[in-house]
Amino acid sequence: MKGIVLAGGVGSRLYPLTDVVSKQLQPVYDKPMVYYPLTVLIASGIREICLISSPAQLPNFERLLGDGRKWGIEIEYREQSKPEGIAQAFLIADSFIRDHPVALILGDNVFSGGDAFPRAVAAFESGATVFAYHVRNPERYGVVEFDSEFRPVSIVEKPRRPKSNYAVPGVYLYDNQVVEIAKKVQPSERGELEITDIHQTYLARGQLCVERLSRGFAWLDAGTSTSLHEASSYVGTIEKRQGIKIGCPEEAALVRNFLTRAQFDALIEEMPDCEYRSYLKNVAAEMERMGHGAA
């Protein structure tokens, strides 16, 4: 499976923070926002990734992430000259996806807890898989309606009268039908190619799987000034309490064996003296204590 990080848009809800720097390059506690979705893909075993952003911001992402080799992955970059909806990502990344299944994750979503995504990627065979997360204000999101046996009946984008409290967070898995489906999607009233229309097509074909995320799972949308602050506070609290980092691509790459211990150690040595470097050195030391050695 390949992966797409959609990091486009103008970030108007974060103005004036985004007047110069992309929303997905803003800090969420101690890391750039884009590290969090990138880490989800790496932790799910995805090594080929396409990052989509505006022509003005792509050079900044390239400076930060490079070609991905430092994490044992490959990153391609594609331009989104004008943001026209989430489903537009499949049109932009058509030649990247080719005949592969693909995971799409939004660049301003922060996830924490559990192994739902790696398990879903490992089990994925065909159709589409989306997730459902219980929220207090479902009218802000795409909402899943279930029948009495928790099978999906409908998905509606930002409904005025939601039929459930289950929202669809910004990570989705598809087979390679998704490109042809996206090509047939018509702009909505707000002028966007809605991702919900793609989900409705899979649902009508009987090919949509919806997995409910557990209560111990955390989903944070860092797209506004308030939610960005809340996401930073949450990440900071968890990291201080547990002594482990959320959204750390180096650690995820090591766990997935995308990096050897020697490569991981060399990566640490290239970093300046900082808290992030100290954390990774502690990760390496803990692996030594657990008998993993320095392969």
Protein backbone atom coordinates (compact mmCIF):
# COMPACT_ATOMS: atom_id res chain seq x y z
CA MET A 1 0.00 0.00 0.00
CA LYS A 2 1.13 3.52 -0.83
CA GLY A 3 0.41 6.63 1.22
CA ILE A 4 -0.65 10.22 0.55
CA VAL A 5 -0.30 13.12 2.97
CA LEU A 6 -2.59 15.96 1.90
CA ALA A 7 -0.96 19.11 3.24
CA GLY A 8 -2.54 21.71 0.98
CA GLY A 9 -5.06 24.46 1.57
CA VAL A 10 -4.46 28.05 2.55
CA GLY A 11 -4.90 27.60 6.30
CA SER A 12 -7.21 30.57 6.59
CA ARG A 13 -8.58 29.40 9.95
CA LEU A 14 -5.07 29.74 11.39
CA TYR A 15 -4.40 33.26 10.08
CA PRO A 16 -2.05 35.09 10.71
CA LEU A 17 0.09 32.05 11.64
CA THR A 18 -0.24 30.73 8.09
CA ASP A 19 0.51 34.01 6.32
CA VAL A 20 4.05 32.78 5.67
CA VAL A 21 4.31 29.16 6.85
CA SER A 22 1.95 26.31 5.92
CA LYS A 23 -0.53 25.05 8.50
CA GLN A 24 1.06 21.60 8.40
CA LEU A 25 4.47 23.07 9.28
CA GLN A 26 3.18 24.75 12.44
CA PRO A 27 4.43 23.21 15.71
CA VAL A 28 2.24 20.78 17.61
CA TYR A 29 4.06 20.83 20.93
CA ASP A 30 7.62 19.83 19.97
CA LYS A 31 7.32 18.72 16.35
CA PRO A 32 6.04 20.08 13.02
CA MET A 33 2.42 19.11 12.47
CA VAL A 34 3.26 17.03 9.38
CA TYR A 35 5.35 14.65 11.51
CA TYR A 36 2.18 13.23 13.06
CA PRO A 37 0.40 11.95 9.92
CA LEU A 38 3.75 10.91 8.46
CA THR A 39 4.42 8.80 11.55
CA VAL A 40 1.00 7.13 11.23
CA LEU A 41 1.87 5.98 7.71
CA ILE A 42 5.33 4.74 8.72
CA ALA A 43 3.93 2.92 11.77
CA SER A 44 1.43 1.26 9.42
CA GLY A 45 4.25 -0.15 7.30
CA ILE A 46 3.88 2.25 4.36
CA ARG A 47 7.19 3.15 2.70
CA GLU A 48 6.14 4.99 -0.49
CA ILE A 49 4.56 8.34 0.30
CA CYS A 50 3.36 11.29 -1.78
CA LEU A 51 3.02 14.68 -0.09
CA ILE A 52 0.69 17.18 -1.74
CA SER A 53 0.87 20.90 -1.01
CA SER A 54 0.81 24.30 -2.69
CA PRO A 55 3.62 25.37 -5.04
CA ALA A 56 4.71 28.04 -2.55
CA GLN A 57 4.99 25.61 0.40
CA LEU A 58 6.40 22.48 -1.26
CA PRO A 59 10.02 23.71 -1.00
CA ASN A 60 9.57 24.08 2.77
CA PHE A 61 8.33 20.49 3.08
CA GLU A 62 11.21 19.27 0.92
CA ARG A 63 13.72 21.05 3.15
CA LEU A 64 12.18 19.48 6.25
CA LEU A 65 11.55 15.94 5.02
CA GLY A 66 13.91 15.48 2.08
CA ASP A 67 13.40 12.35 0.01
CA GLY A 68 12.56 10.29 3.09
CA ARG A 69 15.69 8.11 2.96
CA LYS A 70 16.74 9.15 6.46
CA TRP A 71 13.69 7.21 7.69
CA GLY A 72 14.00 4.34 5.22
CA ILE A 73 11.09 5.54 3.08
CA GLU A 74 10.53 7.35 -0.24
CA ILE A 75 8.73 10.68 -0.42
CA GLU A 76 7.47 12.25 -3.64
CA TYR A 77 6.02 15.74 -3.87
CA ARG A 78 3.08 16.95 -5.96
CA GLU A 79 1.65 20.44 -6.41
CA GLN A 80 -1.90 21.42 -5.58
CA SER A 81 -2.20 24.73 -7.42
CA LYS A 82 -5.70 25.35 -6.06
CA PRO A 83 -7.37 23.50 -3.17
CA GLU A 84 -10.59 21.96 -4.48
CA GLY A 85 -11.47 19.31 -1.92
CA ILE A 86 -9.93 16.24 -0.34
CA ALA A 87 -10.89 13.96 -3.24
CA GLN A 88 -8.73 16.09 -5.53
CA ALA A 89 -5.71 14.35 -4.00
CA PHE A 90 -6.41 11.24 -6.09
CA LEU A 91 -6.43 13.23 -9.32
CA ILE A 92 -3.13 14.90 -8.42
CA ALA A 93 -1.51 11.61 -7.35
CA ASP A 94 -2.96 9.46 -10.14
CA SER A 95 0.42 8.46 -11.61
CA PHE A 96 1.82 7.87 -8.10
CA ILE A 97 -0.99 5.49 -7.12
CA ARG A 98 -1.07 3.55 -10.41
CA ASP A 99 -2.40 0.05 -9.65
CA HIS A 100 -1.72 0.09 -5.89
CA PRO A 101 -4.05 0.44 -2.91
CA VAL A 102 -3.54 3.74 -1.12
CA ALA A 103 -3.94 5.33 2.31
CA LEU A 104 -4.84 9.02 2.40
CA ILE A 105 -4.22 10.99 5.59
CA LEU A 106 -4.88 14.68 6.19
CA GLY A 107 -1.86 16.73 7.20
CA ASP A 108 -3.64 18.54 10.05
CA ASN A 109 -4.90 15.46 11.89
CA VAL A 110 -3.16 14.15 15.02
CA PHE A 111 -3.83 10.58 16.17
CA SER A 112 -2.75 8.84 19.34
CA GLY A 113 -3.38 5.48 20.96
CA GLY A 114 -3.87 1.91 19.85
CA ASP A 115 -2.88 0.05 16.71
CA ALA A 116 -6.10 0.39 14.70
CA PHE A 117 -4.41 1.83 11.61
CA PRO A 118 -1.53 -0.67 11.31
CA ARG A 119 -4.00 -3.53 11.80
CA ALA A 120 -6.37 -2.12 9.19
CA VAL A 121 -3.57 -1.65 6.65
CA ALA A 122 -2.29 -5.19 7.25
CA ALA A 123 -5.79 -6.65 6.83
CA PHE A 124 -6.83 -4.52 3.85
CA GLU A 125 -7.70 -6.41 0.67
CA SER A 126 -10.16 -4.41 -1.42
CA GLY A 127 -12.85 -1.73 -1.40
CA ALA A 128 -12.49 1.10 1.09
CA THR A 129 -11.97 1.27 4.84
CA VAL A 130 -12.78 4.37 6.87
CA PHE A 131 -12.97 4.89 10.61
CA ALA A 132 -15.63 6.20 12.97
CA TYR A 133 -14.84 8.24 16.04
CA HIS A 134 -17.43 9.34 18.63
CA VAL A 135 -17.55 13.15 18.91
CA ARG A 136 -19.65 15.71 20.74
CA ASN A 137 -20.22 17.95 17.70
CA PRO A 138 -20.70 15.64 14.68
CA GLU A 139 -22.22 18.39 12.51
CA ARG A 140 -18.68 19.64 11.83
CA TYR A 141 -17.64 16.43 10.08
CA GLY A 142 -18.64 13.65 7.74
CA VAL A 143 -21.03 11.54 9.82
CA VAL A 144 -21.68 7.79 9.61
CA GLU A 145 -25.17 6.45 10.14
CA PHE A 146 -25.31 2.83 11.34
CA ASP A 147 -28.07 0.26 11.42
CA SER A 148 -28.91 -1.78 14.54
CA GLU A 149 -25.98 -4.12 13.86
CA PHE A 150 -23.52 -1.23 13.38
CA ARG A 151 -23.32 -1.66 9.63
CA PRO A 152 -22.90 1.64 7.73
CA VAL A 153 -26.09 2.96 6.13
CA SER A 154 -24.98 6.40 4.99
CA ILE A 155 -22.23 8.99 5.26
CA VAL A 156 -23.24 12.64 5.13
CA GLU A 157 -20.89 15.62 5.01
CA LYS A 158 -21.54 18.18 7.78
CA PRO A 159 -25.24 17.36 8.26
CA ARG A 160 -27.54 19.84 9.95
CA ARG A 161 -29.22 16.97 11.81
CA PRO A 162 -26.61 14.25 12.34
CA LYS A 163 -27.97 10.70 12.55
CA SER A 164 -25.16 9.60 14.86
CA ASN A 165 -22.26 11.00 16.86
CA TYR A 166 -19.72 9.08 14.81
CA ALA A 167 -17.49 11.27 12.67
CA VAL A 168 -15.06 10.07 9.99
CA PRO A 169 -11.52 11.20 10.88
CA GLY A 170 -8.97 12.14 8.25
CA VAL A 171 -7.39 8.80 7.38
CA TYR A 172 -8.82 6.50 4.71
CA LEU A 173 -7.81 3.29 2.91
CA TYR A 174 -8.79 2.49 -0.70
CA ASP A 175 -8.13 0.03 -3.47
CA ASN A 176 -7.10 1.43 -6.85
CA GLN A 177 -10.72 1.96 -7.95
CA VAL A 178 -10.50 5.24 -6.06
CA VAL A 179 -8.86 7.17 -8.91
CA GLU A 180 -11.61 6.37 -11.41
CA ILE A 181 -14.25 7.08 -8.79
CA ALA A 182 -12.64 10.45 -8.00
CA LYS A 183 -12.64 11.38 -11.69
CA LYS A 184 -16.44 11.10 -11.71
CA VAL A 185 -17.04 13.16 -8.56
CA GLN A 186 -18.76 16.48 -9.25
CA PRO A 187 -18.04 19.63 -7.19
CA SER A 188 -20.39 20.17 -4.27
CA GLU A 189 -22.31 23.35 -3.51
CA ARG A 190 -19.19 24.70 -1.82
CA GLY A 191 -17.18 24.00 -4.99
CA GLU A 192 -15.18 21.05 -3.63
CA LEU A 193 -14.65 17.43 -4.61
CA GLU A 194 -16.00 15.86 -1.44
CA ILE A 195 -14.36 12.76 0.01
CA THR A 196 -17.80 11.75 1.29
CA ASP A 197 -18.97 11.27 -2.32
CA ILE A 198 -16.21 8.68 -2.79
CA HIS A 199 -17.30 6.91 0.37
CA GLN A 200 -20.91 6.92 -0.77
CA THR A 201 -19.88 5.26 -4.05
CA TYR A 202 -18.05 2.48 -2.20
CA LEU A 203 -21.02 2.13 0.17
CA ALA A 204 -23.47 1.80 -2.76
CA ARG A 205 -21.25 -0.94 -4.20
CA GLY A 206 -21.23 -2.79 -0.89
CA GLN A 207 -17.48 -2.25 -0.62
CA LEU A 208 -17.20 0.15 2.33
CA CYS A 209 -15.91 -1.04 5.70
CA VAL A 210 -16.28 1.27 8.70
CA GLU A 211 -14.20 0.51 11.80
CA ARG A 212 -15.14 2.19 15.06
CA LEU A 213 -12.19 3.54 17.02
CA SER A 214 -12.03 2.71 20.70
CA ARG A 215 -12.59 5.17 23.52
CA GLY A 216 -8.89 5.04 24.37
CA PHE A 217 -8.05 6.47 20.97
CA ALA A 218 -7.48 10.22 20.49
CA TRP A 219 -8.17 12.17 17.31
CA LEU A 220 -7.28 15.86 17.21
CA ASP A 221 -7.93 18.18 14.27
CA ALA A 222 -5.35 20.97 14.54
CA GLY A 223 -6.88 23.21 11.87
CA THR A 224 -7.82 26.23 14.02
CA SER A 225 -5.85 28.33 16.50
CA THR A 226 -7.84 26.88 19.40
CA SER A 227 -7.54 23.25 18.26
CA LEU A 228 -3.83 23.74 17.49
CA HIS A 229 -3.27 24.87 21.09
CA GLU A 230 -5.39 21.99 22.41
CA ALA A 231 -3.45 19.46 20.32
CA SER A 232 -0.14 20.84 21.60
CA SER A 233 -1.36 20.69 25.19
CA TYR A 234 -2.57 17.11 24.74
CA VAL A 235 0.67 15.90 23.14
CA GLY A 236 2.75 17.66 25.79
CA THR A 237 0.74 16.15 28.63
CA ILE A 238 0.95 12.60 27.25
CA GLU A 239 4.65 12.85 26.46
CA LYS A 240 5.54 14.19 29.89
CA ARG A 241 3.35 11.64 31.65
CA GLN A 242 4.45 8.55 29.72
CA GLY A 243 7.95 9.50 28.64
CA ILE A 244 7.22 8.49 25.04
CA LYS A 245 6.73 10.70 22.01
CA ILE A 246 3.72 10.92 19.72
CA GLY A 247 4.48 11.57 16.05
CA CYS A 248 8.14 10.54 16.03
CA PRO A 249 9.00 9.19 12.54
CA GLU A 250 12.51 8.08 13.54
CA GLU A 251 11.20 5.80 16.27
CA ALA A 252 8.38 4.47 14.07
CA ALA A 253 10.90 3.68 11.31
CA LEU A 254 13.12 1.81 13.77
CA VAL A 255 10.22 -0.23 15.17
CA ARG A 256 9.11 -1.11 11.63
CA ASN A 257 12.67 -2.14 10.73
CA PHE A 258 12.83 0.53 8.04
CA LEU A 259 16.09 1.53 9.77
CA THR A 260 18.78 -0.66 11.25
CA ARG A 261 20.14 0.23 14.68
CA ALA A 262 23.33 1.47 13.02
CA GLN A 263 21.33 3.77 10.73
CA PHE A 264 19.23 4.95 13.66
CA ASP A 265 22.34 5.76 15.70
CA ALA A 266 23.90 7.61 12.75
CA LEU A 267 20.70 9.65 12.34
CA ILE A 268 20.85 10.67 15.99
CA GLU A 269 24.47 11.78 15.67
CA GLU A 270 23.51 14.18 12.87
CA MET A 271 21.08 16.04 15.15
CA PRO A 272 21.97 19.06 17.27
CA ASP A 273 22.00 18.76 21.05
CA CYS A 274 18.30 19.08 21.95
CA GLU A 275 15.48 17.33 23.81
CA TYR A 276 14.44 15.46 20.67
CA ARG A 277 17.94 14.00 20.24
CA SER A 278 18.05 13.04 23.91
CA TYR A 279 14.75 11.21 23.57
CA LEU A 280 16.00 9.18 20.59
CA LYS A 281 19.19 8.31 22.47
CA ASN A 282 16.99 7.02 25.30
CA VAL A 283 15.05 4.94 22.78
CA ALA A 284 18.32 3.39 21.59
CA ALA A 285 19.47 2.78 25.19
CA GLU A 286 16.16 1.12 26.07
CA MET A 287 16.49 -1.20 23.08
CA GLU A 288 19.95 -2.16 24.36
CA ARG A 289 18.50 -2.95 27.80
CA MET A 290 15.80 -5.10 26.19
CA GLY A 291 18.44 -7.08 24.32
CA HIS A 292 17.79 -5.87 20.78
CA GLY A 293 21.46 -5.04 20.24
CA ALA A 294 22.87 -2.72 17.60
CA ALA A 295 22.22 -4.56 14.33
